[in-house]
């Protein structure tokens, strides 16, 4: 899987599919956990959008970067704020990166819920115990969303 700062780039097909899916979410179409994540670029200042799965777990909200050190994760870490949008609704959050040792139970829950769309990016199989995610945790940034 590479270093702790690894990133799995989208294929051309995945890029097209993500844009199409993002357009549907922007219109308000999608499952309850599907949102369009908007984050300001740390260098450009431009707002970028990408579809994400929101994990609600133990009374908190989390975003997991299954592909690794994505641009959205790097931007969120630097800027400290993101917006989740679905249809006409948009909510801004502050982000707090979850420390690596605290990630395994969150990664387990995320993978167990969303395996059909994210399993290929994780070295651990869905259904594995939380401890099994410890070695993979540095590769997957996790952010807690805090209401602004």
C-alpha atoms as a PDB file:
ATOM      1  CA  UNK A   1       0.000   0.000   0.000  1.00  0.00           C
ATOM      2  CA  UNK A   2       2.959   2.374   0.223  1.00  0.00           C
ATOM      3  CA  UNK A   3       3.990   4.923   2.806  1.00  0.00           C
ATOM      4  CA  UNK A   4       1.883   6.537   5.487  1.00  0.00           C
ATOM      5  CA  UNK A   5       1.402   9.480   3.100  1.00  0.00           C
ATOM      6  CA  UNK A   6       0.157   7.325   0.233  1.00  0.00           C
ATOM      7  CA  UNK A   7      -2.587   8.310  -2.166  1.00  0.00           C
ATOM      8  CA  UNK A   8      -4.586   6.186  -4.596  1.00  0.00           C
ATOM      9  CA  UNK A   9      -5.303   8.310  -7.643  1.00  0.00           C
ATOM     10  CA  UNK A  10      -8.655   8.106  -9.427  1.00  0.00           C
ATOM     11  CA  UNK A  11      -8.828   6.384 -12.779  1.00  0.00           C
ATOM     12  CA  UNK A  12     -10.385   8.331 -15.657  1.00  0.00           C
ATOM     13  CA  UNK A  13     -13.591   6.293 -15.228  1.00  0.00           C
ATOM     14  CA  UNK A  14     -13.689   6.970 -11.459  1.00  0.00           C
ATOM     15  CA  UNK A  15     -13.190  10.702 -12.073  1.00  0.00           C
ATOM     16  CA  UNK A  16     -16.138  10.776 -14.509  1.00  0.00           C
ATOM     17  CA  UNK A  17     -18.305   8.646 -12.193  1.00  0.00           C
ATOM     18  CA  UNK A  18     -17.464  10.845  -9.176  1.00  0.00           C
ATOM     19  CA  UNK A  19     -18.366  14.006 -11.111  1.00  0.00           C
ATOM     20  CA  UNK A  20     -21.675  12.504 -12.195  1.00  0.00           C
ATOM     21  CA  UNK A  21     -22.442  11.252  -8.689  1.00  0.00           C
ATOM     22  CA  UNK A  22     -21.430  14.626  -7.219  1.00  0.00           C
ATOM     23  CA  UNK A  23     -23.872  16.352  -9.570  1.00  0.00           C
ATOM     24  CA  UNK A  24     -26.673  14.079  -8.326  1.00  0.00           C
ATOM     25  CA  UNK A  25     -25.817  14.768  -4.675  1.00  0.00           C
ATOM     26  CA  UNK A  26     -25.719  18.500  -5.419  1.00  0.00           C
ATOM     27  CA  UNK A  27     -29.315  18.078  -6.634  1.00  0.00           C
ATOM     28  CA  UNK A  28     -30.237  16.306  -3.400  1.00  0.00           C
ATOM     29  CA  UNK A  29     -30.206  12.780  -4.815  1.00  0.00           C
ATOM     30  CA  UNK A  30     -28.367  10.059  -2.911  1.00  0.00           C
ATOM     31  CA  UNK A  31     -28.437   7.969   0.238  1.00  0.00           C
ATOM     32  CA  UNK A  32     -28.627   9.650   3.633  1.00  0.00           C
ATOM     33  CA  UNK A  33     -24.859   9.387   4.118  1.00  0.00           C
ATOM     34  CA  UNK A  34     -23.943  10.885   0.706  1.00  0.00           C
ATOM     35  CA  UNK A  35     -22.826  14.500   0.686  1.00  0.00           C
ATOM     36  CA  UNK A  36     -20.864  16.834  -1.494  1.00  0.00           C
ATOM     37  CA  UNK A  37     -17.806  17.972   0.448  1.00  0.00           C
ATOM     38  CA  UNK A  38     -16.693  21.497  -0.367  1.00  0.00           C
ATOM     39  CA  UNK A  39     -13.314  22.691   0.850  1.00  0.00           C
ATOM     40  CA  UNK A  40     -11.241  25.731  -0.045  1.00  0.00           C
ATOM     41  CA  UNK A  41      -7.883  25.022  -1.691  1.00  0.00           C
ATOM     42  CA  UNK A  42      -4.961  25.657   0.632  1.00  0.00           C
ATOM     43  CA  UNK A  43      -2.959  27.318  -2.164  1.00  0.00           C
ATOM     44  CA  UNK A  44      -5.483  28.449  -4.795  1.00  0.00           C
ATOM     45  CA  UNK A  45      -8.301  29.574  -2.507  1.00  0.00           C
ATOM     46  CA  UNK A  46     -10.695  27.973  -5.017  1.00  0.00           C
ATOM     47  CA  UNK A  47     -13.557  25.863  -3.609  1.00  0.00           C
ATOM     48  CA  UNK A  48     -13.295  22.200  -4.614  1.00  0.00           C
ATOM     49  CA  UNK A  49     -16.105  19.666  -4.320  1.00  0.00           C
ATOM     50  CA  UNK A  50     -16.080  15.882  -4.079  1.00  0.00           C
ATOM     51  CA  UNK A  51     -18.705  13.303  -3.074  1.00  0.00           C
ATOM     52  CA  UNK A  52     -18.134  11.687   0.330  1.00  0.00           C
ATOM     53  CA  UNK A  53     -19.737   9.219   2.721  1.00  0.00           C
ATOM     54  CA  UNK A  54     -20.489  10.821   6.090  1.00  0.00           C
ATOM     55  CA  UNK A  55     -20.023   8.456   9.017  1.00  0.00           C
ATOM     56  CA  UNK A  56     -22.192   9.121  12.055  1.00  0.00           C
ATOM     57  CA  UNK A  57     -20.711   7.057  14.872  1.00  0.00           C
ATOM     58  CA  UNK A  58     -21.010   7.294  18.670  1.00  0.00           C
ATOM     59  CA  UNK A  59     -22.810  10.627  18.396  1.00  0.00           C
ATOM     60  CA  UNK A  60     -20.111  12.242  16.237  1.00  0.00           C
ATOM     61  CA  UNK A  61     -19.670  12.877  12.525  1.00  0.00           C
ATOM     62  CA  UNK A  62     -16.570  11.773  10.624  1.00  0.00           C
ATOM     63  CA  UNK A  63     -15.071  11.951   7.163  1.00  0.00           C
ATOM     64  CA  UNK A  64     -12.580   9.262   6.152  1.00  0.00           C
ATOM     65  CA  UNK A  65     -10.138   9.679   3.265  1.00  0.00           C
ATOM     66  CA  UNK A  66     -10.189   6.106   1.947  1.00  0.00           C
ATOM     67  CA  UNK A  67      -7.852   6.980  -0.920  1.00  0.00           C
ATOM     68  CA  UNK A  68      -5.255   8.312   1.535  1.00  0.00           C
ATOM     69  CA  UNK A  69      -3.705  11.771   1.389  1.00  0.00           C
ATOM     70  CA  UNK A  70      -6.291  13.217  -0.980  1.00  0.00           C
ATOM     71  CA  UNK A  71      -6.355  16.878  -1.952  1.00  0.00           C
ATOM     72  CA  UNK A  72      -9.561  17.320   0.063  1.00  0.00           C
ATOM     73  CA  UNK A  73      -7.882  15.851   3.165  1.00  0.00           C
ATOM     74  CA  UNK A  74      -4.809  18.043   2.756  1.00  0.00           C
ATOM     75  CA  UNK A  75      -7.001  21.116   2.199  1.00  0.00           C
ATOM     76  CA  UNK A  76      -9.268  20.317   5.175  1.00  0.00           C
ATOM     77  CA  UNK A  77      -6.238  19.828   7.422  1.00  0.00           C
ATOM     78  CA  UNK A  78      -4.751  23.188   6.382  1.00  0.00           C
ATOM     79  CA  UNK A  79      -7.926  25.276   6.149  1.00  0.00           C
ATOM     80  CA  UNK A  80      -9.670  23.721   9.170  1.00  0.00           C
ATOM     81  CA  UNK A  81     -13.186  24.064   7.736  1.00  0.00           C
ATOM     82  CA  UNK A  82     -15.391  22.193   5.273  1.00  0.00           C
ATOM     83  CA  UNK A  83     -18.953  22.446   4.007  1.00  0.00           C
ATOM     84  CA  UNK A  84     -21.239  19.462   3.452  1.00  0.00           C
ATOM     85  CA  UNK A  85     -23.906  20.051   0.825  1.00  0.00           C
ATOM     86  CA  UNK A  86     -26.906  18.063  -0.324  1.00  0.00           C
ATOM     87  CA  UNK A  87     -29.493  19.707  -2.490  1.00  0.00           C
ATOM     88  CA  UNK A  88     -30.331  23.153  -1.141  1.00  0.00           C
ATOM     89  CA  UNK A  89     -28.912  22.367   2.299  1.00  0.00           C
ATOM     90  CA  UNK A  90     -25.355  23.258   3.238  1.00  0.00           C
ATOM     91  CA  UNK A  91     -23.713  23.095   6.640  1.00  0.00           C
ATOM     92  CA  UNK A  92     -20.250  24.335   7.545  1.00  0.00           C
ATOM     93  CA  UNK A  93     -18.056  22.476  10.028  1.00  0.00           C
ATOM     94  CA  UNK A  94     -14.720  22.906  11.689  1.00  0.00           C
ATOM     95  CA  UNK A  95     -12.540  19.827  11.313  1.00  0.00           C
ATOM     96  CA  UNK A  96     -10.345  18.076  13.844  1.00  0.00           C
ATOM     97  CA  UNK A  97      -8.021  15.397  12.540  1.00  0.00           C
ATOM     98  CA  UNK A  98      -8.334  12.228  14.585  1.00  0.00           C
ATOM     99  CA  UNK A  99      -4.934  11.038  15.904  1.00  0.00           C
ATOM    100  CA  UNK A 100      -3.705   7.809  14.277  1.00  0.00           C
ATOM    101  CA  UNK A 101      -4.008   5.702  17.474  1.00  0.00           C
ATOM    102  CA  UNK A 102      -7.701   6.680  17.766  1.00  0.00           C
ATOM    103  CA  UNK A 103      -8.616   5.816  14.160  1.00  0.00           C
ATOM    104  CA  UNK A 104      -9.014   1.981  14.159  1.00  0.00           C
ATOM    105  CA  UNK A 105     -12.579   1.768  15.591  1.00  0.00           C
ATOM    106  CA  UNK A 106     -13.708   4.608  13.286  1.00  0.00           C
ATOM    107  CA  UNK A 107     -12.080   2.947  10.258  1.00  0.00           C
ATOM    108  CA  UNK A 108     -13.719  -0.375  11.172  1.00  0.00           C
ATOM    109  CA  UNK A 109     -17.173   1.233  11.376  1.00  0.00           C
ATOM    110  CA  UNK A 110     -16.631   3.183   8.146  1.00  0.00           C
ATOM    111  CA  UNK A 111     -15.463   0.131   6.230  1.00  0.00           C
ATOM    112  CA  UNK A 112     -18.200  -2.106   7.656  1.00  0.00           C
ATOM    113  CA  UNK A 113     -20.883   0.385   6.554  1.00  0.00           C
ATOM    114  CA  UNK A 114     -19.488   1.464   3.187  1.00  0.00           C
ATOM    115  CA  UNK A 115     -17.454  -1.562   2.042  1.00  0.00           C
ATOM    116  CA  UNK A 116     -19.151  -1.767  -1.353  1.00  0.00           C
ATOM    117  CA  UNK A 117     -17.744   1.618  -2.368  1.00  0.00           C
ATOM    118  CA  UNK A 118     -14.456   1.795  -0.400  1.00  0.00           C
ATOM    119  CA  UNK A 119     -13.154  -1.743   0.290  1.00  0.00           C
ATOM    120  CA  UNK A 120     -10.662  -1.584  -2.592  1.00  0.00           C
ATOM    121  CA  UNK A 121      -8.809   1.273  -0.864  1.00  0.00           C
ATOM    122  CA  UNK A 122      -8.350  -0.546   2.453  1.00  0.00           C
ATOM    123  CA  UNK A 123      -5.816  -3.293   3.224  1.00  0.00           C
ATOM    124  CA  UNK A 124      -8.173  -4.739   5.862  1.00  0.00           C
ATOM    125  CA  UNK A 125     -11.346  -6.647   4.992  1.00  0.00           C
ATOM    126  CA  UNK A 126     -14.737  -5.374   6.112  1.00  0.00           C
ATOM    127  CA  UNK A 127     -15.864  -7.211   9.237  1.00  0.00           C
ATOM    128  CA  UNK A 128     -12.349  -7.388  10.677  1.00  0.00           C
ATOM    129  CA  UNK A 129     -11.881  -6.365  14.331  1.00  0.00           C
ATOM    130  CA  UNK A 130     -10.877  -2.776  15.079  1.00  0.00           C
ATOM    131  CA  UNK A 131      -7.323  -3.848  16.037  1.00  0.00           C
ATOM    132  CA  UNK A 132      -6.803  -5.117  12.490  1.00  0.00           C
ATOM    133  CA  UNK A 133      -7.073  -1.520  11.255  1.00  0.00           C
ATOM    134  CA  UNK A 134      -4.138  -0.237  13.353  1.00  0.00           C
ATOM    135  CA  UNK A 135      -1.471  -0.871  10.693  1.00  0.00           C
ATOM    136  CA  UNK A 136      -3.645   0.733   7.983  1.00  0.00           C
ATOM    137  CA  UNK A 137      -4.681   3.745  10.119  1.00  0.00           C
ATOM    138  CA  UNK A 138      -1.758   6.040   9.166  1.00  0.00           C
ATOM    139  CA  UNK A 139      -2.777   5.756   5.487  1.00  0.00           C
ATOM    140  CA  UNK A 140      -6.339   7.014   6.003  1.00  0.00           C
ATOM    141  CA  UNK A 141      -6.841  10.527   7.357  1.00  0.00           C
ATOM    142  CA  UNK A 142      -9.953  10.767   9.532  1.00  0.00           C
ATOM    143  CA  UNK A 143     -11.613  14.062  10.446  1.00  0.00           C
ATOM    144  CA  UNK A 144     -14.206  14.719  13.109  1.00  0.00           C
ATOM    145  CA  UNK A 145     -16.700  17.369  12.052  1.00  0.00           C
ATOM    146  CA  UNK A 146     -17.523  19.980  14.672  1.00  0.00           C
ATOM    147  CA  UNK A 147     -20.533  22.252  14.191  1.00  0.00           C
ATOM    148  CA  UNK A 148     -19.506  25.871  13.656  1.00  0.00           C
END
